[in-house]
């Protein structure tokens, strides 16, 4: 991890602690996952909808709702998607170590998904 990224993360943790202790009335920054980007994140991870929903611990219907812009990810799912968007290699490594059954999509399927998006 780069020093600047670490310092940003550390600052965010400090701000969250301050907020939880009541020292701050509002959070200073909130990152949003636009629902369109869920498809891009899944494609970048080279996961099918079934594998992605299984790895993230969500139902396939929830994933479809995100990808079809009917719903927006919130809470821990949003946080994990932010990590996946910014550090896809780390997320892929984590999925490999805890879910060896998760199948990555072939390159030809990735291209079809990317063109459809």
N, C-alpha and C. Protein backbone atom coordinates (compact mmCIF):
# COMPACT_ATOMS: atom_id res chain seq x y z
N UNK A 1 0.85 -1.17 0.00
CA UNK A 1 0.00 0.00 0.00
C UNK A 1 0.89 1.24 0.00
N UNK A 2 0.53 2.21 -0.81
CA UNK A 2 1.29 3.45 -0.89
C UNK A 2 1.09 4.24 0.40
N UNK A 3 2.10 5.01 0.76
CA UNK A 3 2.06 5.82 1.99
C UNK A 3 0.87 6.78 1.96
N UNK A 4 0.62 7.42 0.83
CA UNK A 4 -0.49 8.38 0.74
C UNK A 4 -1.83 7.67 0.97
N UNK A 5 -1.98 6.48 0.39
CA UNK A 5 -3.22 5.72 0.60
C UNK A 5 -3.38 5.33 2.06
N UNK A 6 -2.27 4.92 2.67
CA UNK A 6 -2.32 4.55 4.08
C UNK A 6 -2.71 5.75 4.94
N UNK A 7 -2.14 6.90 4.65
CA UNK A 7 -2.45 8.11 5.43
C UNK A 7 -3.92 8.51 5.25
N UNK A 8 -4.46 8.38 4.03
CA UNK A 8 -5.88 8.67 3.80
C UNK A 8 -6.76 7.72 4.59
N UNK A 9 -6.39 6.45 4.59
CA UNK A 9 -7.14 5.45 5.34
C UNK A 9 -7.09 5.75 6.82
N UNK A 10 -5.91 6.07 7.33
CA UNK A 10 -5.74 6.40 8.74
C UNK A 10 -6.54 7.64 9.12
N UNK A 11 -6.53 8.65 8.27
CA UNK A 11 -7.31 9.86 8.53
C UNK A 11 -8.80 9.53 8.59
N UNK A 12 -9.26 8.69 7.68
CA UNK A 12 -10.66 8.29 7.68
C UNK A 12 -11.05 7.56 8.94
N UNK A 13 -10.18 6.69 9.43
CA UNK A 13 -10.44 5.95 10.66
C UNK A 13 -10.52 6.91 11.84
N UNK A 14 -9.60 7.86 11.88
CA UNK A 14 -9.62 8.86 12.96
C UNK A 14 -10.90 9.69 12.92
N UNK A 15 -11.31 10.11 11.72
CA UNK A 15 -12.54 10.89 11.59
C UNK A 15 -13.76 10.07 12.00
N UNK A 16 -13.77 8.80 11.63
CA UNK A 16 -14.89 7.94 12.02
C UNK A 16 -14.95 7.79 13.53
N UNK A 17 -13.80 7.60 14.17
CA UNK A 17 -13.76 7.51 15.63
C UNK A 17 -14.25 8.79 16.28
N UNK A 18 -13.83 9.92 15.75
CA UNK A 18 -14.26 11.21 16.27
C UNK A 18 -15.77 11.37 16.12
N UNK A 19 -16.28 10.97 14.99
CA UNK A 19 -17.73 11.03 14.75
C UNK A 19 -18.48 10.15 15.73
N UNK A 20 -17.99 8.92 15.93
CA UNK A 20 -18.65 7.99 16.86
C UNK A 20 -18.62 8.48 18.30
N UNK A 21 -17.57 9.20 18.68
CA UNK A 21 -17.47 9.75 20.04
C UNK A 21 -18.30 11.01 20.20
N UNK A 22 -18.90 11.50 19.11
CA UNK A 22 -19.74 12.68 19.17
C UNK A 22 -18.99 13.98 18.99
N UNK A 23 -17.71 13.91 18.64
CA UNK A 23 -16.91 15.13 18.46
C UNK A 23 -17.15 15.80 17.11
N UNK A 24 -17.70 15.07 16.18
CA UNK A 24 -18.01 15.62 14.86
C UNK A 24 -19.47 15.35 14.58
N UNK A 25 -20.14 16.32 14.02
CA UNK A 25 -21.57 16.17 13.76
C UNK A 25 -21.87 15.52 12.41
N UNK A 26 -20.95 15.66 11.47
CA UNK A 26 -21.16 15.05 10.15
C UNK A 26 -19.86 14.40 9.67
N UNK A 27 -20.03 13.42 8.85
CA UNK A 27 -18.86 12.79 8.23
C UNK A 27 -18.34 13.72 7.15
N UNK A 28 -17.03 13.77 6.96
CA UNK A 28 -16.45 14.72 6.02
C UNK A 28 -16.51 14.26 4.57
N UNK A 29 -16.52 12.94 4.35
CA UNK A 29 -16.48 12.45 2.97
C UNK A 29 -17.15 11.08 2.90
N UNK A 30 -17.99 10.92 1.91
CA UNK A 30 -18.64 9.64 1.68
C UNK A 30 -18.44 9.28 0.22
N UNK A 31 -17.85 8.11 -0.03
CA UNK A 31 -17.71 7.65 -1.41
C UNK A 31 -18.97 6.89 -1.79
N UNK A 32 -19.42 7.13 -3.01
CA UNK A 32 -20.61 6.46 -3.50
C UNK A 32 -20.23 5.51 -4.62
N UNK A 33 -20.94 4.41 -4.68
CA UNK A 33 -20.81 3.47 -5.79
C UNK A 33 -22.00 3.72 -6.69
N UNK A 34 -21.74 4.18 -7.88
CA UNK A 34 -22.84 4.35 -8.82
C UNK A 34 -23.25 2.96 -9.28
N UNK A 35 -24.54 2.69 -9.33
CA UNK A 35 -24.97 1.34 -9.72
C UNK A 35 -24.39 0.85 -11.04
N UNK A 36 -24.16 1.76 -12.01
CA UNK A 36 -23.55 1.35 -13.28
C UNK A 36 -22.19 0.69 -13.07
N UNK A 37 -21.48 1.14 -12.04
CA UNK A 37 -20.13 0.64 -11.86
C UNK A 37 -20.08 -0.77 -11.28
N UNK A 38 -21.19 -1.28 -10.77
CA UNK A 38 -21.21 -2.64 -10.23
C UNK A 38 -20.86 -3.63 -11.35
N UNK A 39 -21.41 -3.41 -12.52
CA UNK A 39 -21.10 -4.29 -13.66
C UNK A 39 -19.61 -4.19 -13.99
N UNK A 40 -19.09 -2.97 -14.00
CA UNK A 40 -17.67 -2.79 -14.32
C UNK A 40 -16.78 -3.47 -13.28
N UNK A 41 -17.15 -3.38 -12.00
CA UNK A 41 -16.37 -4.02 -10.94
C UNK A 41 -16.41 -5.53 -11.11
N UNK A 42 -17.60 -6.07 -11.35
CA UNK A 42 -17.74 -7.52 -11.52
C UNK A 42 -16.95 -7.99 -12.73
N UNK A 43 -16.99 -7.21 -13.81
CA UNK A 43 -16.25 -7.56 -15.02
C UNK A 43 -14.76 -7.52 -14.77
N UNK A 44 -14.30 -6.48 -14.05
CA UNK A 44 -12.88 -6.36 -13.75
C UNK A 44 -12.40 -7.54 -12.91
N UNK A 45 -13.27 -8.04 -12.03
CA UNK A 45 -12.92 -9.20 -11.20
C UNK A 45 -13.06 -10.51 -11.97
N UNK A 46 -13.64 -10.42 -13.17
CA UNK A 46 -13.84 -11.59 -14.03
C UNK A 46 -14.69 -12.65 -13.33
N UNK A 47 -15.78 -12.21 -12.70
CA UNK A 47 -16.69 -13.12 -12.02
C UNK A 47 -18.05 -13.10 -12.71
N UNK A 48 -18.67 -14.27 -12.82
CA UNK A 48 -20.03 -14.35 -13.31
C UNK A 48 -20.95 -13.75 -12.26
N UNK A 49 -22.20 -13.49 -12.61
CA UNK A 49 -23.15 -12.97 -11.62
C UNK A 49 -23.29 -13.94 -10.45
N UNK A 50 -23.36 -15.22 -10.76
CA UNK A 50 -23.52 -16.22 -9.70
C UNK A 50 -22.31 -16.24 -8.77
N UNK A 51 -21.12 -16.25 -9.34
CA UNK A 51 -19.90 -16.28 -8.53
C UNK A 51 -19.73 -14.99 -7.73
N UNK A 52 -20.03 -13.86 -8.35
CA UNK A 52 -19.91 -12.57 -7.68
C UNK A 52 -20.87 -12.49 -6.49
N UNK A 53 -22.12 -12.86 -6.71
CA UNK A 53 -23.10 -12.79 -5.62
C UNK A 53 -22.73 -13.75 -4.50
N UNK A 54 -22.21 -14.90 -4.83
CA UNK A 54 -21.77 -15.86 -3.82
C UNK A 54 -20.58 -15.31 -3.03
N UNK A 55 -19.59 -14.76 -3.75
CA UNK A 55 -18.40 -14.24 -3.09
C UNK A 55 -18.72 -13.06 -2.19
N UNK A 56 -19.65 -12.20 -2.61
CA UNK A 56 -20.00 -11.02 -1.83
C UNK A 56 -21.07 -11.31 -0.77
N UNK A 57 -21.62 -12.51 -0.78
CA UNK A 57 -22.62 -12.88 0.22
C UNK A 57 -23.96 -12.20 0.01
N UNK A 58 -24.32 -12.00 -1.25
CA UNK A 58 -25.61 -11.40 -1.58
C UNK A 58 -26.36 -12.34 -2.49
N UNK A 59 -27.64 -12.11 -2.62
CA UNK A 59 -28.43 -12.95 -3.52
C UNK A 59 -28.21 -12.50 -4.96
N UNK A 60 -28.34 -13.42 -5.91
CA UNK A 60 -28.25 -13.03 -7.32
C UNK A 60 -29.28 -11.96 -7.69
N UNK A 61 -30.46 -12.01 -7.05
CA UNK A 61 -31.49 -11.00 -7.32
C UNK A 61 -31.03 -9.61 -6.89
N UNK A 62 -30.35 -9.53 -5.75
CA UNK A 62 -29.82 -8.24 -5.29
C UNK A 62 -28.81 -7.70 -6.28
N UNK A 63 -27.91 -8.56 -6.76
CA UNK A 63 -26.92 -8.14 -7.75
C UNK A 63 -27.60 -7.64 -9.02
N UNK A 64 -28.60 -8.37 -9.48
CA UNK A 64 -29.32 -7.93 -10.69
C UNK A 64 -29.97 -6.57 -10.46
N UNK A 65 -30.54 -6.36 -9.27
CA UNK A 65 -31.15 -5.06 -8.96
C UNK A 65 -30.12 -3.94 -9.01
N UNK A 66 -28.91 -4.20 -8.50
CA UNK A 66 -27.85 -3.20 -8.56
C UNK A 66 -27.46 -2.92 -10.01
N UNK A 67 -27.26 -3.99 -10.77
CA UNK A 67 -26.80 -3.84 -12.14
C UNK A 67 -27.86 -3.24 -13.06
N UNK A 68 -29.13 -3.43 -12.74
CA UNK A 68 -30.21 -2.90 -13.56
C UNK A 68 -30.73 -1.57 -13.01
N UNK A 69 -29.95 -0.99 -12.08
CA UNK A 69 -30.21 0.35 -11.54
C UNK A 69 -31.52 0.48 -10.76
N UNK A 70 -32.05 -0.63 -10.28
CA UNK A 70 -33.27 -0.58 -9.46
C UNK A 70 -32.96 -0.31 -8.00
N UNK A 71 -31.77 -0.69 -7.57
CA UNK A 71 -31.33 -0.50 -6.18
C UNK A 71 -29.88 -0.05 -6.18
N UNK A 72 -29.44 0.51 -5.04
CA UNK A 72 -28.06 0.93 -4.86
C UNK A 72 -27.47 0.19 -3.66
N UNK A 73 -26.24 -0.27 -3.77
CA UNK A 73 -25.60 -0.95 -2.65
C UNK A 73 -25.41 -0.01 -1.45
N UNK A 74 -25.60 -0.54 -0.26
CA UNK A 74 -25.44 0.23 0.97
C UNK A 74 -24.63 -0.57 1.99
N UNK A 75 -24.17 0.09 3.02
CA UNK A 75 -23.51 -0.55 4.15
C UNK A 75 -22.25 -1.30 3.77
N UNK A 76 -22.07 -2.48 4.37
CA UNK A 76 -20.85 -3.26 4.12
C UNK A 76 -20.66 -3.63 2.65
N UNK A 77 -21.75 -3.86 1.93
CA UNK A 77 -21.62 -4.21 0.51
C UNK A 77 -21.02 -3.04 -0.26
N UNK A 78 -21.47 -1.83 0.04
CA UNK A 78 -20.93 -0.64 -0.61
C UNK A 78 -19.44 -0.49 -0.31
N UNK A 79 -19.09 -0.73 0.94
CA UNK A 79 -17.68 -0.63 1.33
C UNK A 79 -16.82 -1.65 0.59
N UNK A 80 -17.30 -2.88 0.51
CA UNK A 80 -16.54 -3.90 -0.19
C UNK A 80 -16.44 -3.59 -1.68
N UNK A 81 -17.49 -3.04 -2.26
CA UNK A 81 -17.44 -2.66 -3.66
C UNK A 81 -16.43 -1.53 -3.90
N UNK A 82 -16.34 -0.60 -2.96
CA UNK A 82 -15.34 0.46 -3.08
C UNK A 82 -13.93 -0.12 -3.07
N UNK A 83 -13.70 -1.08 -2.19
CA UNK A 83 -12.39 -1.73 -2.15
C UNK A 83 -12.15 -2.48 -3.46
N UNK A 84 -13.16 -3.18 -3.92
CA UNK A 84 -13.02 -3.95 -5.17
C UNK A 84 -12.76 -3.02 -6.36
N UNK A 85 -13.36 -1.84 -6.36
CA UNK A 85 -13.15 -0.88 -7.45
C UNK A 85 -11.73 -0.33 -7.43
N UNK A 86 -11.19 -0.11 -6.23
CA UNK A 86 -9.88 0.53 -6.12
C UNK A 86 -8.73 -0.48 -6.01
N UNK A 87 -9.00 -1.67 -5.51
CA UNK A 87 -7.96 -2.69 -5.33
C UNK A 87 -8.47 -4.06 -5.82
N UNK A 88 -8.80 -4.17 -7.11
CA UNK A 88 -9.39 -5.44 -7.59
C UNK A 88 -8.48 -6.64 -7.40
N UNK A 89 -7.17 -6.45 -7.50
CA UNK A 89 -6.26 -7.59 -7.35
C UNK A 89 -6.31 -8.13 -5.92
N UNK A 90 -6.41 -7.26 -4.94
CA UNK A 90 -6.49 -7.70 -3.54
C UNK A 90 -7.78 -8.47 -3.30
N UNK A 91 -8.87 -8.00 -3.88
CA UNK A 91 -10.15 -8.69 -3.70
C UNK A 91 -10.12 -10.05 -4.38
N UNK A 92 -9.55 -10.10 -5.60
CA UNK A 92 -9.45 -11.38 -6.29
C UNK A 92 -8.62 -12.38 -5.48
N UNK A 93 -7.53 -11.91 -4.90
CA UNK A 93 -6.69 -12.78 -4.07
C UNK A 93 -7.46 -13.28 -2.86
N UNK A 94 -8.20 -12.40 -2.23
CA UNK A 94 -8.98 -12.79 -1.05
C UNK A 94 -10.03 -13.83 -1.42
N UNK A 95 -10.70 -13.64 -2.55
CA UNK A 95 -11.71 -14.59 -2.97
C UNK A 95 -11.08 -15.95 -3.28
N UNK A 96 -9.89 -15.94 -3.87
CA UNK A 96 -9.22 -17.21 -4.19
C UNK A 96 -8.89 -17.98 -2.93
N UNK A 97 -8.46 -17.28 -1.89
CA UNK A 97 -8.03 -17.97 -0.68
C UNK A 97 -9.20 -18.49 0.16
N UNK A 98 -10.34 -17.81 0.11
CA UNK A 98 -11.46 -18.25 0.95
C UNK A 98 -12.54 -18.97 0.17
N UNK A 99 -12.54 -18.82 -1.16
CA UNK A 99 -13.57 -19.45 -1.97
C UNK A 99 -12.95 -20.09 -3.20
N UNK A 100 -12.24 -21.18 -3.03
CA UNK A 100 -11.60 -21.78 -4.20
C UNK A 100 -12.58 -22.24 -5.26
N UNK A 101 -13.86 -22.40 -4.90
CA UNK A 101 -14.85 -22.85 -5.87
C UNK A 101 -15.34 -21.73 -6.78
N UNK A 102 -15.02 -20.47 -6.45
CA UNK A 102 -15.46 -19.36 -7.29
C UNK A 102 -14.73 -19.45 -8.62
N UNK A 103 -15.49 -19.51 -9.68
CA UNK A 103 -14.91 -19.64 -11.02
C UNK A 103 -14.82 -18.27 -11.67
N UNK A 104 -13.65 -17.96 -12.19
CA UNK A 104 -13.47 -16.73 -12.92
C UNK A 104 -14.01 -16.94 -14.33
N UNK A 105 -14.54 -15.87 -14.94
CA UNK A 105 -15.06 -15.96 -16.29
C UNK A 105 -13.90 -16.08 -17.27
N UNK A 106 -14.18 -16.70 -18.40
CA UNK A 106 -13.17 -16.77 -19.44
C UNK A 106 -13.02 -15.39 -20.08
N UNK A 107 -11.91 -15.17 -20.77
CA UNK A 107 -11.68 -13.89 -21.43
C UNK A 107 -12.78 -13.56 -22.43
N UNK A 108 -13.32 -14.55 -23.14
CA UNK A 108 -14.34 -14.29 -24.13
C UNK A 108 -15.62 -13.80 -23.47
N UNK A 109 -15.97 -14.34 -22.32
CA UNK A 109 -17.17 -13.87 -21.62
C UNK A 109 -16.96 -12.46 -21.07
N UNK A 110 -15.77 -12.17 -20.58
CA UNK A 110 -15.48 -10.84 -20.07
C UNK A 110 -15.69 -9.81 -21.16
N UNK A 111 -15.21 -10.09 -22.36
CA UNK A 111 -15.37 -9.17 -23.48
C UNK A 111 -16.83 -8.94 -23.83
N UNK A 112 -17.64 -10.00 -23.80
CA UNK A 112 -19.07 -9.87 -24.11
C UNK A 112 -19.76 -9.02 -23.04
N UNK A 113 -19.42 -9.24 -21.77
CA UNK A 113 -20.03 -8.47 -20.68
C UNK A 113 -19.63 -7.01 -20.80
N UNK A 114 -18.35 -6.74 -21.06
CA UNK A 114 -17.86 -5.37 -21.15
C UNK A 114 -18.52 -4.64 -22.32
N UNK A 115 -18.72 -5.33 -23.46
CA UNK A 115 -19.36 -4.69 -24.61
C UNK A 115 -20.83 -4.41 -24.31
N UNK A 116 -21.48 -5.26 -23.55
CA UNK A 116 -22.89 -5.07 -23.23
C UNK A 116 -23.09 -3.91 -22.28
N UNK A 117 -22.09 -3.62 -21.44
CA UNK A 117 -22.22 -2.55 -20.44
C UNK A 117 -22.03 -1.20 -21.01
